[in-house]
């Protein structure tokens, strides 16, 4: 299976849908040679490359009501609703150990997108870079207003979904003629403009590029969806996504909703599996 990319959208806790899809892929021993993700998609991608079935679901669902994971207390103490130190230190190193050995020895290429706060442009990292993969994923997952930026090398970085919400063009540039996309929104979803310009400019006055990117995000996202639809119609893209608008919010503590969305992802992957194989094996 050459020149085929797997692209994973973010979406906060809605990413548990993607976890369900990927767990089905792992049950079928289906591993793509190229994987790209942003934000929660990057978290999903890492556990997929490390071949840890069920890990992302366990982290997302089991810890949903843990105040160390999500809480207002975190925001007051650390300026982040998500406990980022907890998520990217204690969780992968102690509670739900990340298989660094399998990950580092994988032949899969993993590309993670982030947003440069100064320029507002995308910055990509691969898991073969010298940087700590946890720092890269943390940067890609640091959402504006509810998380702090992450510094890597000479960059100040935040949520990869701002500059490149669905990195399909990057995958094509990297030589993938066909791509499989796991999206976390329904087919008729349209992103609305950001409405709180004054809060944005006050909060991130030193990051003009980031502000501009956030204000333009809805246009970029909706244009990307149109581009993806064109690729789908020409047989170059295969999409798996929720049929209806997910009841799970970007920040979600309801475990039953999270479990339901996970199962929806798993079942959607199972339902589309034969068509997916046809797509992968077609010229």
C-alpha atoms as a PDB file:
ATOM      1  CA  UNK A   1       0.000   0.000   0.000  1.00  0.00           C
ATOM      2  CA  UNK A   2       2.075   2.870  -1.340  1.00  0.00           C
ATOM      3  CA  UNK A   3       1.363   6.584  -1.791  1.00  0.00           C
ATOM      4  CA  UNK A   4      -1.773   6.476   0.340  1.00  0.00           C
ATOM      5  CA  UNK A   5      -2.242   8.860   3.248  1.00  0.00           C
ATOM      6  CA  UNK A   6      -4.431   8.689   6.332  1.00  0.00           C
ATOM      7  CA  UNK A   7      -5.509  12.125   7.563  1.00  0.00           C
ATOM      8  CA  UNK A   8      -7.080  12.686  10.973  1.00  0.00           C
ATOM      9  CA  UNK A   9      -9.076  15.806  11.811  1.00  0.00           C
ATOM     10  CA  UNK A  10      -9.054  17.248  15.343  1.00  0.00           C
ATOM     11  CA  UNK A  11     -12.176  18.373  17.173  1.00  0.00           C
ATOM     12  CA  UNK A  12     -11.357  18.028  20.851  1.00  0.00           C
ATOM     13  CA  UNK A  13     -13.280  15.253  22.580  1.00  0.00           C
ATOM     14  CA  UNK A  14     -15.125  14.502  19.331  1.00  0.00           C
ATOM     15  CA  UNK A  15     -11.881  12.787  18.387  1.00  0.00           C
ATOM     16  CA  UNK A  16     -13.134   9.723  20.253  1.00  0.00           C
ATOM     17  CA  UNK A  17     -15.028   9.006  17.010  1.00  0.00           C
ATOM     18  CA  UNK A  18     -11.678   8.741  15.233  1.00  0.00           C
ATOM     19  CA  UNK A  19     -10.424   6.478  18.026  1.00  0.00           C
ATOM     20  CA  UNK A  20     -13.240   4.072  17.202  1.00  0.00           C
ATOM     21  CA  UNK A  21     -12.354   4.072  13.510  1.00  0.00           C
ATOM     22  CA  UNK A  22      -8.668   3.481  14.207  1.00  0.00           C
ATOM     23  CA  UNK A  23      -9.372   0.669  16.660  1.00  0.00           C
ATOM     24  CA  UNK A  24     -11.305  -1.103  13.919  1.00  0.00           C
ATOM     25  CA  UNK A  25      -8.389  -0.552  11.538  1.00  0.00           C
ATOM     26  CA  UNK A  26      -6.034  -2.073  14.101  1.00  0.00           C
ATOM     27  CA  UNK A  27      -8.386  -5.024  14.600  1.00  0.00           C
ATOM     28  CA  UNK A  28      -8.035  -5.598  10.850  1.00  0.00           C
ATOM     29  CA  UNK A  29      -4.262  -5.011  10.966  1.00  0.00           C
ATOM     30  CA  UNK A  30      -4.731  -2.090   8.580  1.00  0.00           C
ATOM     31  CA  UNK A  31      -1.843   0.340   8.923  1.00  0.00           C
ATOM     32  CA  UNK A  32      -1.276   3.198   6.496  1.00  0.00           C
ATOM     33  CA  UNK A  33       2.304   4.102   5.523  1.00  0.00           C
ATOM     34  CA  UNK A  34       1.620   7.826   5.959  1.00  0.00           C
ATOM     35  CA  UNK A  35      -0.421   9.327   8.809  1.00  0.00           C
ATOM     36  CA  UNK A  36      -1.136  13.001   9.396  1.00  0.00           C
ATOM     37  CA  UNK A  37      -3.082  14.628  12.206  1.00  0.00           C
ATOM     38  CA  UNK A  38      -3.718  17.903  13.973  1.00  0.00           C
ATOM     39  CA  UNK A  39      -4.836  18.571  17.534  1.00  0.00           C
ATOM     40  CA  UNK A  40      -6.822  15.569  18.823  1.00  0.00           C
ATOM     41  CA  UNK A  41      -6.096  13.943  15.478  1.00  0.00           C
ATOM     42  CA  UNK A  42      -2.410  14.004  16.397  1.00  0.00           C
ATOM     43  CA  UNK A  43      -3.180  12.270  19.703  1.00  0.00           C
ATOM     44  CA  UNK A  44      -5.098   9.578  17.841  1.00  0.00           C
ATOM     45  CA  UNK A  45      -2.337   9.239  15.266  1.00  0.00           C
ATOM     46  CA  UNK A  46       0.348   8.651  17.886  1.00  0.00           C
ATOM     47  CA  UNK A  47      -1.501   5.733  19.509  1.00  0.00           C
ATOM     48  CA  UNK A  48      -2.206   4.309  16.045  1.00  0.00           C
ATOM     49  CA  UNK A  49       1.475   4.415  15.063  1.00  0.00           C
ATOM     50  CA  UNK A  50       2.444   2.895  18.435  1.00  0.00           C
ATOM     51  CA  UNK A  51      -0.123   0.160  17.714  1.00  0.00           C
ATOM     52  CA  UNK A  52      -1.936   0.616  21.024  1.00  0.00           C
ATOM     53  CA  UNK A  53      -5.510  -0.388  20.357  1.00  0.00           C
ATOM     54  CA  UNK A  54      -7.949   1.165  22.822  1.00  0.00           C
ATOM     55  CA  UNK A  55      -5.447   3.560  24.358  1.00  0.00           C
ATOM     56  CA  UNK A  56      -6.986   6.810  23.085  1.00  0.00           C
ATOM     57  CA  UNK A  57     -10.459   5.657  24.090  1.00  0.00           C
ATOM     58  CA  UNK A  58      -9.214   4.790  27.576  1.00  0.00           C
ATOM     59  CA  UNK A  59      -7.543   8.158  28.030  1.00  0.00           C
ATOM     60  CA  UNK A  60     -10.489  10.135  26.643  1.00  0.00           C
ATOM     61  CA  UNK A  61     -13.352   8.272  28.303  1.00  0.00           C
ATOM     62  CA  UNK A  62     -11.887   6.975  31.558  1.00  0.00           C
ATOM     63  CA  UNK A  63     -10.409  10.350  32.489  1.00  0.00           C
ATOM     64  CA  UNK A  64     -13.311  12.509  31.281  1.00  0.00           C
ATOM     65  CA  UNK A  65     -14.536  13.208  34.809  1.00  0.00           C
ATOM     66  CA  UNK A  66     -11.062  13.452  36.358  1.00  0.00           C
ATOM     67  CA  UNK A  67     -10.399  17.024  37.503  1.00  0.00           C
ATOM     68  CA  UNK A  68      -6.732  16.606  36.605  1.00  0.00           C
ATOM     69  CA  UNK A  69      -7.810  16.071  32.985  1.00  0.00           C
ATOM     70  CA  UNK A  70     -10.502  18.734  32.568  1.00  0.00           C
ATOM     71  CA  UNK A  71     -11.555  21.320  35.137  1.00  0.00           C
ATOM     72  CA  UNK A  72     -11.977  24.997  35.872  1.00  0.00           C
ATOM     73  CA  UNK A  73      -9.399  24.477  38.614  1.00  0.00           C
ATOM     74  CA  UNK A  74      -6.834  23.691  35.919  1.00  0.00           C
ATOM     75  CA  UNK A  75      -7.664  26.943  34.161  1.00  0.00           C
ATOM     76  CA  UNK A  76      -7.298  28.998  37.328  1.00  0.00           C
ATOM     77  CA  UNK A  77      -4.040  27.320  38.293  1.00  0.00           C
ATOM     78  CA  UNK A  78      -2.427  26.605  34.920  1.00  0.00           C
ATOM     79  CA  UNK A  79      -4.358  28.837  32.455  1.00  0.00           C
ATOM     80  CA  UNK A  80      -5.617  25.726  30.676  1.00  0.00           C
ATOM     81  CA  UNK A  81      -8.926  23.901  31.128  1.00  0.00           C
ATOM     82  CA  UNK A  82      -7.126  20.723  30.130  1.00  0.00           C
ATOM     83  CA  UNK A  83      -4.407  19.624  32.547  1.00  0.00           C
ATOM     84  CA  UNK A  84      -1.681  19.666  29.911  1.00  0.00           C
ATOM     85  CA  UNK A  85       1.154  18.599  32.234  1.00  0.00           C
ATOM     86  CA  UNK A  86      -1.023  15.740  33.461  1.00  0.00           C
ATOM     87  CA  UNK A  87      -2.064  14.726  29.934  1.00  0.00           C
ATOM     88  CA  UNK A  88       1.406  14.855  28.412  1.00  0.00           C
ATOM     89  CA  UNK A  89       3.461  13.581  31.341  1.00  0.00           C
ATOM     90  CA  UNK A  90       1.632  11.511  33.938  1.00  0.00           C
ATOM     91  CA  UNK A  91      -0.802   9.919  31.471  1.00  0.00           C
ATOM     92  CA  UNK A  92       1.727   8.660  28.859  1.00  0.00           C
ATOM     93  CA  UNK A  93       4.445   7.833  31.378  1.00  0.00           C
ATOM     94  CA  UNK A  94       2.406   6.298  34.207  1.00  0.00           C
ATOM     95  CA  UNK A  95      -1.381   5.928  33.901  1.00  0.00           C
ATOM     96  CA  UNK A  96      -1.738   4.808  30.276  1.00  0.00           C
ATOM     97  CA  UNK A  97       1.871   4.159  29.205  1.00  0.00           C
ATOM     98  CA  UNK A  98       2.725   5.173  25.661  1.00  0.00           C
ATOM     99  CA  UNK A  99       4.796   2.582  23.785  1.00  0.00           C
ATOM    100  CA  UNK A 100       7.705   4.811  22.815  1.00  0.00           C
ATOM    101  CA  UNK A 101       9.722   1.837  21.556  1.00  0.00           C
ATOM    102  CA  UNK A 102       7.134   0.614  19.041  1.00  0.00           C
ATOM    103  CA  UNK A 103       6.428   4.202  18.036  1.00  0.00           C
ATOM    104  CA  UNK A 104      10.061   5.104  17.370  1.00  0.00           C
ATOM    105  CA  UNK A 105      10.694   1.877  15.448  1.00  0.00           C
ATOM    106  CA  UNK A 106       7.618   2.227  13.236  1.00  0.00           C
ATOM    107  CA  UNK A 107       8.115   2.425   9.482  1.00  0.00           C
ATOM    108  CA  UNK A 108       5.018   4.606   9.194  1.00  0.00           C
ATOM    109  CA  UNK A 109       5.575   8.288   8.507  1.00  0.00           C
ATOM    110  CA  UNK A 110       3.730  10.517  10.957  1.00  0.00           C
ATOM    111  CA  UNK A 111       3.260  14.219  10.214  1.00  0.00           C
ATOM    112  CA  UNK A 112       1.788  16.519  12.870  1.00  0.00           C
ATOM    113  CA  UNK A 113       0.594  20.036  12.112  1.00  0.00           C
ATOM    114  CA  UNK A 114       0.906  23.030  14.439  1.00  0.00           C
ATOM    115  CA  UNK A 115       0.288  26.772  14.064  1.00  0.00           C
ATOM    116  CA  UNK A 116       3.060  29.364  14.389  1.00  0.00           C
ATOM    117  CA  UNK A 117       1.655  32.084  16.656  1.00  0.00           C
ATOM    118  CA  UNK A 118       3.818  34.808  15.115  1.00  0.00           C
ATOM    119  CA  UNK A 119       3.034  34.161  11.455  1.00  0.00           C
ATOM    120  CA  UNK A 120      -0.244  32.259  11.700  1.00  0.00           C
ATOM    121  CA  UNK A 121       1.208  29.726   9.252  1.00  0.00           C
ATOM    122  CA  UNK A 122       1.375  25.978   9.590  1.00  0.00           C
ATOM    123  CA  UNK A 123       4.504  24.255  10.929  1.00  0.00           C
ATOM    124  CA  UNK A 124       4.805  20.495  10.465  1.00  0.00           C
ATOM    125  CA  UNK A 125       6.826  17.977  12.437  1.00  0.00           C
ATOM    126  CA  UNK A 126       7.514  14.313  11.790  1.00  0.00           C
ATOM    127  CA  UNK A 127       8.038  11.702  14.480  1.00  0.00           C
ATOM    128  CA  UNK A 128      11.576  11.227  13.193  1.00  0.00           C
ATOM    129  CA  UNK A 129      12.501  14.769  14.255  1.00  0.00           C
ATOM    130  CA  UNK A 130      14.779  15.359  17.216  1.00  0.00           C
ATOM    131  CA  UNK A 131      11.963  16.963  19.205  1.00  0.00           C
ATOM    132  CA  UNK A 132      10.035  15.113  21.892  1.00  0.00           C
ATOM    133  CA  UNK A 133       6.885  13.733  20.273  1.00  0.00           C
ATOM    134  CA  UNK A 134       4.855  14.602  23.380  1.00  0.00           C
ATOM    135  CA  UNK A 135       5.855  18.266  23.102  1.00  0.00           C
ATOM    136  CA  UNK A 136       4.838  18.280  19.439  1.00  0.00           C
ATOM    137  CA  UNK A 137       1.440  16.723  20.141  1.00  0.00           C
ATOM    138  CA  UNK A 138       0.947  19.100  23.050  1.00  0.00           C
ATOM    139  CA  UNK A 139       1.627  22.078  20.790  1.00  0.00           C
ATOM    140  CA  UNK A 140      -0.777  20.773  18.150  1.00  0.00           C
ATOM    141  CA  UNK A 141      -3.439  20.272  20.843  1.00  0.00           C
ATOM    142  CA  UNK A 142      -3.095  23.639  22.611  1.00  0.00           C
ATOM    143  CA  UNK A 143      -6.396  25.357  21.878  1.00  0.00           C
ATOM    144  CA  UNK A 144      -6.678  29.170  21.967  1.00  0.00           C
ATOM    145  CA  UNK A 145      -8.168  30.703  25.138  1.00  0.00           C
ATOM    146  CA  UNK A 146      -8.175  27.417  27.064  1.00  0.00           C
ATOM    147  CA  UNK A 147      -4.491  26.433  26.712  1.00  0.00           C
ATOM    148  CA  UNK A 148      -1.115  28.135  26.706  1.00  0.00           C
ATOM    149  CA  UNK A 149       1.213  28.212  23.657  1.00  0.00           C
ATOM    150  CA  UNK A 150       4.095  25.730  23.510  1.00  0.00           C
ATOM    151  CA  UNK A 151       7.647  26.698  22.586  1.00  0.00           C
ATOM    152  CA  UNK A 152       9.618  24.309  20.374  1.00  0.00           C
ATOM    153  CA  UNK A 153      12.949  25.398  18.923  1.00  0.00           C
ATOM    154  CA  UNK A 154      12.406  28.997  17.786  1.00  0.00           C
ATOM    155  CA  UNK A 155       8.644  28.627  17.400  1.00  0.00           C
ATOM    156  CA  UNK A 156       5.740  29.553  19.657  1.00  0.00           C
ATOM    157  CA  UNK A 157       3.022  27.100  18.676  1.00  0.00           C
ATOM    158  CA  UNK A 158      -0.659  26.354  19.171  1.00  0.00           C
ATOM    159  CA  UNK A 159      -3.503  24.247  17.788  1.00  0.00           C
ATOM    160  CA  UNK A 160      -2.618  22.776  14.402  1.00  0.00           C
ATOM    161  CA  UNK A 161      -6.265  22.960  13.372  1.00  0.00           C
ATOM    162  CA  UNK A 162      -6.048  26.738  13.019  1.00  0.00           C
ATOM    163  CA  UNK A 163      -3.559  26.985  10.154  1.00  0.00           C
ATOM    164  CA  UNK A 164      -4.373  23.661   8.475  1.00  0.00           C
ATOM    165  CA  UNK A 165      -7.519  22.009   9.886  1.00  0.00           C
ATOM    166  CA  UNK A 166      -7.451  19.005   7.541  1.00  0.00           C
ATOM    167  CA  UNK A 167      -3.916  18.651   6.095  1.00  0.00           C
ATOM    168  CA  UNK A 168      -4.927  17.071   2.787  1.00  0.00           C
ATOM    169  CA  UNK A 169      -2.797  19.376   0.637  1.00  0.00           C
ATOM    170  CA  UNK A 170       0.311  18.608   2.682  1.00  0.00           C
ATOM    171  CA  UNK A 171      -0.306  14.887   2.199  1.00  0.00           C
ATOM    172  CA  UNK A 172      -0.625  15.337  -1.564  1.00  0.00           C
ATOM    173  CA  UNK A 173       2.563  17.420  -1.598  1.00  0.00           C
ATOM    174  CA  UNK A 174       4.266  14.550   0.227  1.00  0.00           C
ATOM    175  CA  UNK A 175       3.417  12.266  -2.693  1.00  0.00           C
ATOM    176  CA  UNK A 176       0.149  10.607  -1.679  1.00  0.00           C
ATOM    177  CA  UNK A 177      -2.057  10.221  -4.746  1.00  0.00           C
ATOM    178  CA  UNK A 178      -4.930   8.867  -2.652  1.00  0.00           C
ATOM    179  CA  UNK A 179      -5.999   9.722   0.880  1.00  0.00           C
ATOM    180  CA  UNK A 180      -8.347   8.361   3.512  1.00  0.00           C
ATOM    181  CA  UNK A 181      -9.864  11.056   5.729  1.00  0.00           C
ATOM    182  CA  UNK A 182     -11.379  10.560   9.169  1.00  0.00           C
ATOM    183  CA  UNK A 183     -13.461  13.649   9.941  1.00  0.00           C
ATOM    184  CA  UNK A 184     -15.271  14.493  13.165  1.00  0.00           C
ATOM    185  CA  UNK A 185     -18.115  16.581  11.740  1.00  0.00           C
ATOM    186  CA  UNK A 186     -21.122  15.553   9.679  1.00  0.00           C
ATOM    187  CA  UNK A 187     -21.185  16.061   5.892  1.00  0.00           C
ATOM    188  CA  UNK A 188     -23.266  19.264   5.841  1.00  0.00           C
ATOM    189  CA  UNK A 189     -21.340  21.025   8.613  1.00  0.00           C
ATOM    190  CA  UNK A 190     -20.313  24.627   7.909  1.00  0.00           C
ATOM    191  CA  UNK A 191     -17.945  26.476  10.230  1.00  0.00           C
ATOM    192  CA  UNK A 192     -19.139  29.929  11.288  1.00  0.00           C
ATOM    193  CA  UNK A 193     -16.930  33.020  11.673  1.00  0.00           C
ATOM    194  CA  UNK A 194     -15.260  33.761  14.999  1.00  0.00           C
ATOM    195  CA  UNK A 195     -17.401  36.453  16.653  1.00  0.00           C
ATOM    196  CA  UNK A 196     -15.263  37.777  19.502  1.00  0.00           C
ATOM    197  CA  UNK A 197     -12.626  39.794  17.690  1.00  0.00           C
ATOM    198  CA  UNK A 198     -12.039  42.189  20.588  1.00  0.00           C
ATOM    199  CA  UNK A 199     -11.307  39.353  23.023  1.00  0.00           C
ATOM    200  CA  UNK A 200      -8.977  37.761  20.499  1.00  0.00           C
ATOM    201  CA  UNK A 201      -6.998  40.938  19.851  1.00  0.00           C
ATOM    202  CA  UNK A 202      -6.699  41.610  23.584  1.00  0.00           C
ATOM    203  CA  UNK A 203      -5.683  38.072  24.548  1.00  0.00           C
ATOM    204  CA  UNK A 204      -3.160  37.615  21.740  1.00  0.00           C
ATOM    205  CA  UNK A 205      -2.060  41.172  20.997  1.00  0.00           C
ATOM    206  CA  UNK A 206       1.543  40.010  20.554  1.00  0.00           C
ATOM    207  CA  UNK A 207       0.515  37.336  18.023  1.00  0.00           C
ATOM    208  CA  UNK A 208      -0.955  39.184  15.030  1.00  0.00           C
ATOM    209  CA  UNK A 209      -0.473  36.179  12.770  1.00  0.00           C
ATOM    210  CA  UNK A 210      -2.407  33.915  15.104  1.00  0.00           C
ATOM    211  CA  UNK A 211      -5.265  36.428  15.347  1.00  0.00           C
ATOM    212  CA  UNK A 212      -5.484  36.713  11.579  1.00  0.00           C
ATOM    213  CA  UNK A 213      -5.466  32.933  11.178  1.00  0.00           C
ATOM    214  CA  UNK A 214      -8.256  32.472  13.737  1.00  0.00           C
ATOM    215  CA  UNK A 215     -10.410  35.134  12.052  1.00  0.00           C
ATOM    216  CA  UNK A 216      -9.848  33.440   8.682  1.00  0.00           C
ATOM    217  CA  UNK A 217     -10.284  29.921   9.996  1.00  0.00           C
ATOM    218  CA  UNK A 218     -13.905  29.467   8.964  1.00  0.00           C
ATOM    219  CA  UNK A 219     -13.094  30.391   5.360  1.00  0.00           C
ATOM    220  CA  UNK A 220     -10.119  28.041   5.240  1.00  0.00           C
ATOM    221  CA  UNK A 221     -12.081  25.200   6.798  1.00  0.00           C
ATOM    222  CA  UNK A 222     -15.078  25.543   4.496  1.00  0.00           C
ATOM    223  CA  UNK A 223     -12.850  25.910   1.422  1.00  0.00           C
ATOM    224  CA  UNK A 224     -10.956  22.787   2.463  1.00  0.00           C
ATOM    225  CA  UNK A 225     -14.232  20.862   2.697  1.00  0.00           C
ATOM    226  CA  UNK A 226     -15.134  21.933  -0.849  1.00  0.00           C
ATOM    227  CA  UNK A 227     -11.713  20.829  -2.064  1.00  0.00           C
ATOM    228  CA  UNK A 228     -12.096  17.479  -0.317  1.00  0.00           C
ATOM    229  CA  UNK A 229     -15.547  17.007  -1.851  1.00  0.00           C
ATOM    230  CA  UNK A 230     -14.032  17.535  -5.299  1.00  0.00           C
ATOM    231  CA  UNK A 231     -11.323  14.968  -4.582  1.00  0.00           C
ATOM    232  CA  UNK A 232     -13.947  12.521  -3.330  1.00  0.00           C
ATOM    233  CA  UNK A 233     -15.960  12.926  -6.529  1.00  0.00           C
ATOM    234  CA  UNK A 234     -12.860  12.184  -8.603  1.00  0.00           C
ATOM    235  CA  UNK A 235     -12.026   9.048  -6.622  1.00  0.00           C
ATOM    236  CA  UNK A 236      -8.916  10.380  -4.897  1.00  0.00           C
ATOM    237  CA  UNK A 237     -10.311  10.583  -1.376  1.00  0.00           C
ATOM    238  CA  UNK A 238     -12.259   8.189   0.842  1.00  0.00           C
ATOM    239  CA  UNK A 239     -14.061   9.769   3.799  1.00  0.00           C
ATOM    240  CA  UNK A 240     -15.338   8.285   7.047  1.00  0.00           C
ATOM    241  CA  UNK A 241     -17.271  10.721   9.245  1.00  0.00           C
ATOM    242  CA  UNK A 242     -20.312  10.891  11.540  1.00  0.00           C
ATOM    243  CA  UNK A 243     -23.687  10.651   9.810  1.00  0.00           C
ATOM    244  CA  UNK A 244     -25.289  13.149  12.180  1.00  0.00           C
ATOM    245  CA  UNK A 245     -23.996  16.071  14.216  1.00  0.00           C
ATOM    246  CA  UNK A 246     -22.145  14.561  17.204  1.00  0.00           C
ATOM    247  CA  UNK A 247     -23.737  15.205  20.604  1.00  0.00           C
ATOM    248  CA  UNK A 248     -20.244  15.310  22.069  1.00  0.00           C
ATOM    249  CA  UNK A 249     -18.889  18.822  22.532  1.00  0.00           C
ATOM    250  CA  UNK A 250     -15.279  19.901  22.063  1.00  0.00           C
ATOM    251  CA  UNK A 251     -14.973  19.726  25.857  1.00  0.00           C
ATOM    252  CA  UNK A 252     -17.084  16.825  27.137  1.00  0.00           C
ATOM    253  CA  UNK A 253     -17.360  15.033  30.492  1.00  0.00           C
ATOM    254  CA  UNK A 254     -20.341  12.785  29.758  1.00  0.00           C
ATOM    255  CA  UNK A 255     -18.883   9.284  29.495  1.00  0.00           C
ATOM    256  CA  UNK A 256     -21.998   7.725  27.957  1.00  0.00           C
ATOM    257  CA  UNK A 257     -21.912  10.246  25.104  1.00  0.00           C
ATOM    258  CA  UNK A 258     -18.207   9.652  24.590  1.00  0.00           C
ATOM    259  CA  UNK A 259     -18.677   5.879  24.550  1.00  0.00           C
ATOM    260  CA  UNK A 260     -21.551   6.191  22.088  1.00  0.00           C
ATOM    261  CA  UNK A 261     -19.481   8.312  19.706  1.00  0.00           C
ATOM    262  CA  UNK A 262     -16.569   5.874  19.970  1.00  0.00           C
ATOM    263  CA  UNK A 263     -18.870   2.982  19.036  1.00  0.00           C
ATOM    264  CA  UNK A 264     -20.296   5.035  16.175  1.00  0.00           C
ATOM    265  CA  UNK A 265     -16.793   5.472  14.786  1.00  0.00           C
ATOM    266  CA  UNK A 266     -16.018   1.771  15.131  1.00  0.00           C
ATOM    267  CA  UNK A 267     -19.274   0.732  13.454  1.00  0.00           C
ATOM    268  CA  UNK A 268     -18.872   3.290  10.652  1.00  0.00           C
ATOM    269  CA  UNK A 269     -15.416   1.890   9.903  1.00  0.00           C
ATOM    270  CA  UNK A 270     -16.812  -1.641   9.908  1.00  0.00           C
ATOM    271  CA  UNK A 271     -19.693  -0.628   7.638  1.00  0.00           C
ATOM    272  CA  UNK A 272     -17.359   1.072   5.151  1.00  0.00           C
ATOM    273  CA  UNK A 273     -14.574  -1.517   5.279  1.00  0.00           C
ATOM    274  CA  UNK A 274     -15.336  -3.358   2.023  1.00  0.00           C
ATOM    275  CA  UNK A 275     -15.675  -0.079   0.103  1.00  0.00           C
ATOM    276  CA  UNK A 276     -12.461   1.153   1.698  1.00  0.00           C
ATOM    277  CA  UNK A 277     -10.574  -1.939   0.533  1.00  0.00           C
ATOM    278  CA  UNK A 278     -11.900  -1.401  -2.991  1.00  0.00           C
ATOM    279  CA  UNK A 279     -10.676   2.196  -2.854  1.00  0.00           C
ATOM    280  CA  UNK A 280      -7.242   1.163  -1.593  1.00  0.00           C
ATOM    281  CA  UNK A 281      -6.853  -1.527  -4.249  1.00  0.00           C
ATOM    282  CA  UNK A 282      -8.126   0.539  -7.184  1.00  0.00           C
ATOM    283  CA  UNK A 283      -5.819   2.200  -9.697  1.00  0.00           C
END
